[in-house]
PDB file of N, CA and C in Angstrom:
ATOM      1  N   UNK A   1      68.671  10.160 135.709  1.00  0.00           N
ATOM      2  CA  UNK A   1      69.853  10.212 134.862  1.00  0.00           C
ATOM      3  C   UNK A   1      70.623   8.898 134.930  1.00  0.00           C
ATOM      4  N   UNK A   2      70.868   8.394 136.108  1.00  0.00           N
ATOM      5  CA  UNK A   2      71.642   7.160 136.267  1.00  0.00           C
ATOM      6  C   UNK A   2      70.963   5.985 135.582  1.00  0.00           C
ATOM      7  N   UNK A   3      69.652   5.915 135.688  1.00  0.00           N
ATOM      8  CA  UNK A   3      68.916   4.823 135.071  1.00  0.00           C
ATOM      9  C   UNK A   3      69.108   4.835 133.559  1.00  0.00           C
ATOM     10  N   UNK A   4      69.094   6.024 132.965  1.00  0.00           N
ATOM     11  CA  UNK A   4      69.310   6.153 131.525  1.00  0.00           C
ATOM     12  C   UNK A   4      70.689   5.656 131.122  1.00  0.00           C
ATOM     13  N   UNK A   5      71.716   6.047 131.862  1.00  0.00           N
ATOM     14  CA  UNK A   5      73.064   5.621 131.505  1.00  0.00           C
ATOM     15  C   UNK A   5      73.221   4.119 131.717  1.00  0.00           C
ATOM     16  N   UNK A   6      72.574   3.555 132.725  1.00  0.00           N
ATOM     17  CA  UNK A   6      72.605   2.092 132.927  1.00  0.00           C
ATOM     18  C   UNK A   6      71.917   1.395 131.759  1.00  0.00           C
ATOM     19  N   UNK A   7      70.788   1.935 131.331  1.00  0.00           N
ATOM     20  CA  UNK A   7      70.070   1.344 130.205  1.00  0.00           C
ATOM     21  C   UNK A   7      70.917   1.379 128.941  1.00  0.00           C
ATOM     22  N   UNK A   8      71.558   2.501 128.667  1.00  0.00           N
ATOM     23  CA  UNK A   8      72.411   2.624 127.472  1.00  0.00           C
ATOM     24  C   UNK A   8      73.579   1.646 127.545  1.00  0.00           C
ATOM     25  N   UNK A   9      74.206   1.554 128.706  1.00  0.00           N
ATOM     26  CA  UNK A   9      75.338   0.639 128.864  1.00  0.00           C
ATOM     27  C   UNK A   9      74.881  -0.803 128.657  1.00  0.00           C
ATOM     28  N   UNK A  10      73.761  -1.177 129.247  1.00  0.00           N
ATOM     29  CA  UNK A  10      73.263  -2.544 129.112  1.00  0.00           C
ATOM     30  C   UNK A  10      72.842  -2.851 127.681  1.00  0.00           C
ATOM     31  N   UNK A  11      72.284  -1.880 126.982  1.00  0.00           N
ATOM     32  CA  UNK A  11      71.836  -2.127 125.610  1.00  0.00           C
ATOM     33  C   UNK A  11      73.009  -2.317 124.647  1.00  0.00           C
ATOM     34  N   UNK A  12      74.189  -1.895 125.068  1.00  0.00           N
ATOM     35  CA  UNK A  12      75.380  -2.042 124.215  1.00  0.00           C
ATOM     36  C   UNK A  12      76.333  -3.110 124.750  1.00  0.00           C
ATOM     37  N   UNK A  13      75.880  -3.882 125.698  1.00  0.00           N
ATOM     38  CA  UNK A  13      76.726  -4.877 126.361  1.00  0.00           C
ATOM     39  C   UNK A  13      77.445  -5.794 125.380  1.00  0.00           C
ATOM     40  N   UNK A  14      76.700  -6.440 124.498  1.00  0.00           N
ATOM     41  CA  UNK A  14      77.321  -7.424 123.609  1.00  0.00           C
ATOM     42  C   UNK A  14      78.170  -6.760 122.538  1.00  0.00           C
ATOM     43  N   UNK A  15      77.760  -5.620 122.064  1.00  0.00           N
ATOM     44  CA  UNK A  15      78.587  -4.889 121.102  1.00  0.00           C
ATOM     45  C   UNK A  15      79.898  -4.470 121.752  1.00  0.00           C
ATOM     46  N   UNK A  16      79.831  -4.072 123.002  1.00  0.00           N
ATOM     47  CA  UNK A  16      81.027  -3.683 123.746  1.00  0.00           C
ATOM     48  C   UNK A  16      81.952  -4.881 123.906  1.00  0.00           C
ATOM     49  N   UNK A  17      81.406  -6.000 124.355  1.00  0.00           N
ATOM     50  CA  UNK A  17      82.218  -7.200 124.570  1.00  0.00           C
ATOM     51  C   UNK A  17      82.806  -7.726 123.265  1.00  0.00           C
ATOM     52  N   UNK A  18      82.094  -7.531 122.169  1.00  0.00           N
ATOM     53  CA  UNK A  18      82.581  -7.999 120.857  1.00  0.00           C
ATOM     54  C   UNK A  18      83.518  -6.998 120.195  1.00  0.00           C
ATOM     55  N   UNK A  19      83.694  -5.838 120.802  1.00  0.00           N
ATOM     56  CA  UNK A  19      84.550  -4.812 120.215  1.00  0.00           C
ATOM     57  C   UNK A  19      83.970  -4.205 118.952  1.00  0.00           C
ATOM     58  N   UNK A  20      82.641  -4.150 118.875  1.00  0.00           N
ATOM     59  CA  UNK A  20      81.963  -3.683 117.671  1.00  0.00           C
ATOM     60  C   UNK A  20      81.394  -2.271 117.800  1.00  0.00           C
ATOM     61  N   UNK A  21      81.887  -1.506 118.747  1.00  0.00           N
ATOM     62  CA  UNK A  21      81.388  -0.136 118.887  1.00  0.00           C
ATOM     63  C   UNK A  21      82.541   0.846 118.728  1.00  0.00           C
ATOM     64  N   UNK A  22      82.171   2.060 118.389  1.00  0.00           N
ATOM     65  CA  UNK A  22      83.180   3.098 118.178  1.00  0.00           C
ATOM     66  C   UNK A  22      83.907   3.423 119.484  1.00  0.00           C
ATOM     67  N   UNK A  23      85.093   3.964 119.334  1.00  0.00           N
ATOM     68  CA  UNK A  23      85.953   4.257 120.488  1.00  0.00           C
ATOM     69  C   UNK A  23      85.279   5.169 121.501  1.00  0.00           C
ATOM     70  N   UNK A  24      84.568   6.177 121.037  1.00  0.00           N
ATOM     71  CA  UNK A  24      83.951   7.129 121.965  1.00  0.00           C
ATOM     72  C   UNK A  24      82.888   6.439 122.829  1.00  0.00           C
ATOM     73  N   UNK A  25      82.114   5.544 122.239  1.00  0.00           N
ATOM     74  CA  UNK A  25      81.107   4.813 123.032  1.00  0.00           C
ATOM     75  C   UNK A  25      81.780   3.848 123.995  1.00  0.00           C
ATOM     76  N   UNK A  26      82.855   3.230 123.555  1.00  0.00           N
ATOM     77  CA  UNK A  26      83.593   2.309 124.417  1.00  0.00           C
ATOM     78  C   UNK A  26      84.113   3.060 125.640  1.00  0.00           C
ATOM     79  N   UNK A  27      84.630   4.266 125.425  1.00  0.00           N
ATOM     80  CA  UNK A  27      85.129   5.089 126.529  1.00  0.00           C
ATOM     81  C   UNK A  27      83.993   5.468 127.471  1.00  0.00           C
ATOM     82  N   UNK A  28      82.854   5.852 126.915  1.00  0.00           N
ATOM     83  CA  UNK A  28      81.699   6.220 127.752  1.00  0.00           C
ATOM     84  C   UNK A  28      81.245   5.036 128.606  1.00  0.00           C
ATOM     85  N   UNK A  29      81.228   3.855 128.007  1.00  0.00           N
ATOM     86  CA  UNK A  29      80.811   2.669 128.765  1.00  0.00           C
ATOM     87  C   UNK A  29      81.818   2.371 129.870  1.00  0.00           C
ATOM     88  N   UNK A  30      83.099   2.450 129.556  1.00  0.00           N
ATOM     89  CA  UNK A  30      84.126   2.223 130.591  1.00  0.00           C
ATOM     90  C   UNK A  30      83.966   3.204 131.750  1.00  0.00           C
ATOM     91  N   UNK A  31      83.721   4.471 131.433  1.00  0.00           N
ATOM     92  CA  UNK A  31      83.515   5.468 132.489  1.00  0.00           C
ATOM     93  C   UNK A  31      82.294   5.117 133.331  1.00  0.00           C
ATOM     94  N   UNK A  32      81.232   4.700 132.671  1.00  0.00           N
ATOM     95  CA  UNK A  32      80.022   4.325 133.403  1.00  0.00           C
ATOM     96  C   UNK A  32      80.304   3.131 134.314  1.00  0.00           C
ATOM     97  N   UNK A  33      81.024   2.150 133.802  1.00  0.00           N
ATOM     98  CA  UNK A  33      81.313   0.959 134.597  1.00  0.00           C
ATOM     99  C   UNK A  33      82.149   1.295 135.829  1.00  0.00           C
ATOM    100  N   UNK A  34      83.022   2.264 135.711  1.00  0.00           N
ATOM    101  CA  UNK A  34      83.825   2.685 136.873  1.00  0.00           C
ATOM    102  C   UNK A  34      82.970   3.339 137.944  1.00  0.00           C
ATOM    103  N   UNK A  35      81.857   3.918 137.531  1.00  0.00           N
ATOM    104  CA  UNK A  35      80.997   4.645 138.464  1.00  0.00           C
ATOM    105  C   UNK A  35      79.815   3.818 138.962  1.00  0.00           C
ATOM    106  N   UNK A  36      79.489   2.743 138.284  1.00  0.00           N
ATOM    107  CA  UNK A  36      78.273   1.979 138.611  1.00  0.00           C
ATOM    108  C   UNK A  36      78.623   0.518 138.896  1.00  0.00           C
ATOM    109  N   UNK A  37      78.626   0.178 140.150  1.00  0.00           N
ATOM    110  CA  UNK A  37      79.010  -1.168 140.562  1.00  0.00           C
ATOM    111  C   UNK A  37      78.068  -2.234 140.000  1.00  0.00           C
ATOM    112  N   UNK A  38      76.775  -1.945 139.950  1.00  0.00           N
ATOM    113  CA  UNK A  38      75.820  -2.929 139.431  1.00  0.00           C
ATOM    114  C   UNK A  38      76.094  -3.267 137.972  1.00  0.00           C
ATOM    115  N   UNK A  39      76.316  -2.250 137.168  1.00  0.00           N
ATOM    116  CA  UNK A  39      76.611  -2.490 135.754  1.00  0.00           C
ATOM    117  C   UNK A  39      77.955  -3.185 135.590  1.00  0.00           C
ATOM    118  N   UNK A  40      78.939  -2.780 136.385  1.00  0.00           N
ATOM    119  CA  UNK A  40      80.254  -3.413 136.304  1.00  0.00           C
ATOM    120  C   UNK A  40      80.147  -4.904 136.604  1.00  0.00           C
ATOM    121  N   UNK A  41      79.393  -5.255 137.616  1.00  0.00           N
ATOM    122  CA  UNK A  41      79.199  -6.675 137.961  1.00  0.00           C
ATOM    123  C   UNK A  41      78.530  -7.431 136.821  1.00  0.00           C
ATOM    124  N   UNK A  42      77.514  -6.823 136.228  1.00  0.00           N
ATOM    125  CA  UNK A  42      76.815  -7.475 135.110  1.00  0.00           C
ATOM    126  C   UNK A  42      77.758  -7.690 133.925  1.00  0.00           C
ATOM    127  N   UNK A  43      78.548  -6.682 133.599  1.00  0.00           N
ATOM    128  CA  UNK A  43      79.485  -6.797 132.487  1.00  0.00           C
ATOM    129  C   UNK A  43      80.540  -7.859 132.773  1.00  0.00           C
ATOM    130  N   UNK A  44      81.076  -7.875 133.991  1.00  0.00           N
ATOM    131  CA  UNK A  44      82.086  -8.875 134.332  1.00  0.00           C
ATOM    132  C   UNK A  44      81.510 -10.286 134.281  1.00  0.00           C
ATOM    133  N   UNK A  45      80.272 -10.437 134.739  1.00  0.00           N
ATOM    134  CA  UNK A  45      79.629 -11.747 134.668  1.00  0.00           C
ATOM    135  C   UNK A  45      79.511 -12.208 133.225  1.00  0.00           C
ATOM    136  N   UNK A  46      79.008 -11.340 132.364  1.00  0.00           N
ATOM    137  CA  UNK A  46      78.855 -11.708 130.949  1.00  0.00           C
ATOM    138  C   UNK A  46      80.199 -12.015 130.302  1.00  0.00           C
ATOM    139  N   UNK A  47      81.208 -11.255 130.644  1.00  0.00           N
ATOM    140  CA  UNK A  47      82.541 -11.478 130.084  1.00  0.00           C
ATOM    141  C   UNK A  47      83.082 -12.841 130.521  1.00  0.00           C
ATOM    142  N   UNK A  48      82.942 -13.147 131.795  1.00  0.00           N
ATOM    143  CA  UNK A  48      83.404 -14.455 132.293  1.00  0.00           C
ATOM    144  C   UNK A  48      82.590 -15.596 131.710  1.00  0.00           C
ATOM    145  N   UNK A  49      81.284 -15.400 131.595  1.00  0.00           N
ATOM    146  CA  UNK A  49      80.421 -16.430 131.023  1.00  0.00           C
ATOM    147  C   UNK A  49      80.813 -16.730 129.584  1.00  0.00           C
ATOM    148  N   UNK A  50      81.058 -15.691 128.811  1.00  0.00           N
ATOM    149  CA  UNK A  50      81.485 -15.887 127.416  1.00  0.00           C
ATOM    150  C   UNK A  50      82.813 -16.652 127.346  1.00  0.00           C
ATOM    151  N   UNK A  51      83.739 -16.302 128.212  1.00  0.00           N
ATOM    152  CA  UNK A  51      85.019 -16.999 128.240  1.00  0.00           C
ATOM    153  C   UNK A  51      84.857 -18.457 128.609  1.00  0.00           C
ATOM    154  N   UNK A  52      84.026 -18.723 129.589  1.00  0.00           N
ATOM    155  CA  UNK A  52      83.755 -20.091 130.015  1.00  0.00           C
ATOM    156  C   UNK A  52      83.156 -20.907 128.872  1.00  0.00           C
ATOM    157  N   UNK A  53      82.163 -20.347 128.210  1.00  0.00           N
ATOM    158  CA  UNK A  53      81.516 -21.040 127.098  1.00  0.00           C
ATOM    159  C   UNK A  53      82.497 -21.259 125.964  1.00  0.00           C
ATOM    160  N   UNK A  54      83.283 -20.247 125.643  1.00  0.00           N
ATOM    161  CA  UNK A  54      84.252 -20.355 124.551  1.00  0.00           C
ATOM    162  C   UNK A  54      85.262 -21.473 124.825  1.00  0.00           C
ATOM    163  N   UNK A  55      85.709 -21.588 126.065  1.00  0.00           N
ATOM    164  CA  UNK A  55      86.690 -22.606 126.418  1.00  0.00           C
ATOM    165  C   UNK A  55      86.111 -24.013 126.394  1.00  0.00           C
ATOM    166  N   UNK A  56      84.866 -24.154 126.771  1.00  0.00           N
ATOM    167  CA  UNK A  56      84.289 -25.482 126.940  1.00  0.00           C
ATOM    168  C   UNK A  56      83.390 -25.940 125.802  1.00  0.00           C
ATOM    169  N   UNK A  57      83.092 -25.054 124.909  1.00  0.00           N
ATOM    170  CA  UNK A  57      82.143 -25.388 123.841  1.00  0.00           C
ATOM    171  C   UNK A  57      82.833 -25.814 122.553  1.00  0.00           C
ATOM    172  N   UNK A  58      84.069 -26.148 122.638  1.00  0.00           N
ATOM    173  CA  UNK A  58      84.781 -26.569 121.432  1.00  0.00           C
ATOM    174  C   UNK A  58      84.425 -28.011 121.110  1.00  0.00           C
ATOM    175  N   UNK A  59      83.836 -28.171 119.974  1.00  0.00           N
ATOM    176  CA  UNK A  59      83.427 -29.493 119.529  1.00  0.00           C
ATOM    177  C   UNK A  59      84.074 -29.736 118.173  1.00  0.00           C
ATOM    178  N   UNK A  60      84.726 -30.859 118.058  1.00  0.00           N
ATOM    179  CA  UNK A  60      85.343 -31.188 116.778  1.00  0.00           C
ATOM    180  C   UNK A  60      84.368 -32.013 115.951  1.00  0.00           C
ATOM    181  N   UNK A  61      84.273 -31.639 114.710  1.00  0.00           N
ATOM    182  CA  UNK A  61      83.411 -32.395 113.794  1.00  0.00           C
ATOM    183  C   UNK A  61      84.079 -33.730 113.482  1.00  0.00           C
ATOM    184  N   UNK A  62      83.270 -34.758 113.277  1.00  0.00           N
ATOM    185  CA  UNK A  62      83.835 -36.057 112.891  1.00  0.00           C
ATOM    186  C   UNK A  62      84.601 -35.925 111.578  1.00  0.00           C
ATOM    187  N   UNK A  63      85.664 -36.704 111.401  1.00  0.00           N
ATOM    188  CA  UNK A  63      86.497 -36.603 110.196  1.00  0.00           C
ATOM    189  C   UNK A  63      85.706 -36.726 108.895  1.00  0.00           C
ATOM    190  N   UNK A  64      84.681 -37.568 108.872  1.00  0.00           N
ATOM    191  CA  UNK A  64      83.900 -37.731 107.645  1.00  0.00           C
ATOM    192  C   UNK A  64      83.118 -36.465 107.290  1.00  0.00           C
ATOM    193  N   UNK A  65      82.694 -35.720 108.281  1.00  0.00           N
ATOM    194  CA  UNK A  65      81.994 -34.462 108.032  1.00  0.00           C
ATOM    195  C   UNK A  65      82.972 -33.425 107.488  1.00  0.00           C
ATOM    196  N   UNK A  66      84.147 -33.359 108.078  1.00  0.00           N
ATOM    197  CA  UNK A  66      85.169 -32.420 107.611  1.00  0.00           C
ATOM    198  C   UNK A  66      85.530 -32.723 106.161  1.00  0.00           C
ATOM    199  N   UNK A  67      85.717 -33.989 105.841  1.00  0.00           N
ATOM    200  CA  UNK A  67      86.074 -34.370 104.468  1.00  0.00           C
ATOM    201  C   UNK A  67      84.950 -34.046 103.493  1.00  0.00           C
ATOM    202  N   UNK A  68      83.725 -34.276 103.910  1.00  0.00           N
ATOM    203  CA  UNK A  68      82.584 -33.972 103.039  1.00  0.00           C
ATOM    204  C   UNK A  68      82.510 -32.477 102.740  1.00  0.00           C
ATOM    205  N   UNK A  69      82.739 -31.650 103.737  1.00  0.00           N
ATOM    206  CA  UNK A  69      82.720 -30.196 103.547  1.00  0.00           C
ATOM    207  C   UNK A  69      83.848 -29.775 102.619  1.00  0.00           C
ATOM    208  N   UNK A  70      85.027 -30.329 102.821  1.00  0.00           N
ATOM    209  CA  UNK A  70      86.152 -30.003 101.937  1.00  0.00           C
ATOM    210  C   UNK A  70      85.851 -30.374 100.495  1.00  0.00           C
ATOM    211  N   UNK A  71      85.254 -31.543 100.316  1.00  0.00           N
ATOM    212  CA  UNK A  71      84.909 -32.006  98.961  1.00  0.00           C
ATOM    213  C   UNK A  71      83.899 -31.056  98.312  1.00  0.00           C
ATOM    214  N   UNK A  72      82.889 -30.635  99.057  1.00  0.00           N
ATOM    215  CA  UNK A  72      81.887 -29.706  98.536  1.00  0.00           C
ATOM    216  C   UNK A  72      82.511 -28.362  98.170  1.00  0.00           C
ATOM    217  N   UNK A  73      83.434 -27.898  98.984  1.00  0.00           N
ATOM    218  CA  UNK A  73      84.113 -26.636  98.693  1.00  0.00           C
ATOM    219  C   UNK A  73      84.922 -26.756  97.412  1.00  0.00           C
ATOM    220  N   UNK A  74      85.651 -27.839  97.280  1.00  0.00           N
ATOM    221  CA  UNK A  74      86.451 -28.047  96.062  1.00  0.00           C
ATOM    222  C   UNK A  74      85.554 -28.104  94.830  1.00  0.00           C
ATOM    223  N   UNK A  75      84.432 -28.814  94.934  1.00  0.00           N
ATOM    224  CA  UNK A  75      83.520 -28.950  93.790  1.00  0.00           C
ATOM    225  C   UNK A  75      82.942 -27.594  93.379  1.00  0.00           C
ATOM    226  N   UNK A  76      82.583 -26.784  94.354  1.00  0.00           N
ATOM    227  CA  UNK A  76      81.953 -25.504  94.040  1.00  0.00           C
ATOM    228  C   UNK A  76      82.952 -24.442  93.584  1.00  0.00           C
ATOM    229  N   UNK A  77      84.209 -24.602  93.961  1.00  0.00           N
ATOM    230  CA  UNK A  77      85.201 -23.614  93.554  1.00  0.00           C
ATOM    231  C   UNK A  77      85.864 -23.981  92.229  1.00  0.00           C
ATOM    232  N   UNK A  78      85.534 -25.132  91.698  1.00  0.00           N
ATOM    233  CA  UNK A  78      86.109 -25.558  90.413  1.00  0.00           C
ATOM    234  C   UNK A  78      85.367 -24.979  89.245  1.00  0.00           C
TER     235      UNK A  78
END
């Protein structure tokens, strides 16, 4: 039984972190995480990893690229 609930929780990991699952499934996953230390650790790791990547992966496009994209948008919306 426990293995099944761990598998279900892990298979919904990214949907859970992205907030893309229904409330009832979110509640079930939270309950599972409170009861299963291994799954809780995995979820916390993924959550921290995503935050780390989000903070450090910000890359600004060169001004000429931004201007080119704006120009293309204007041309296509005209």
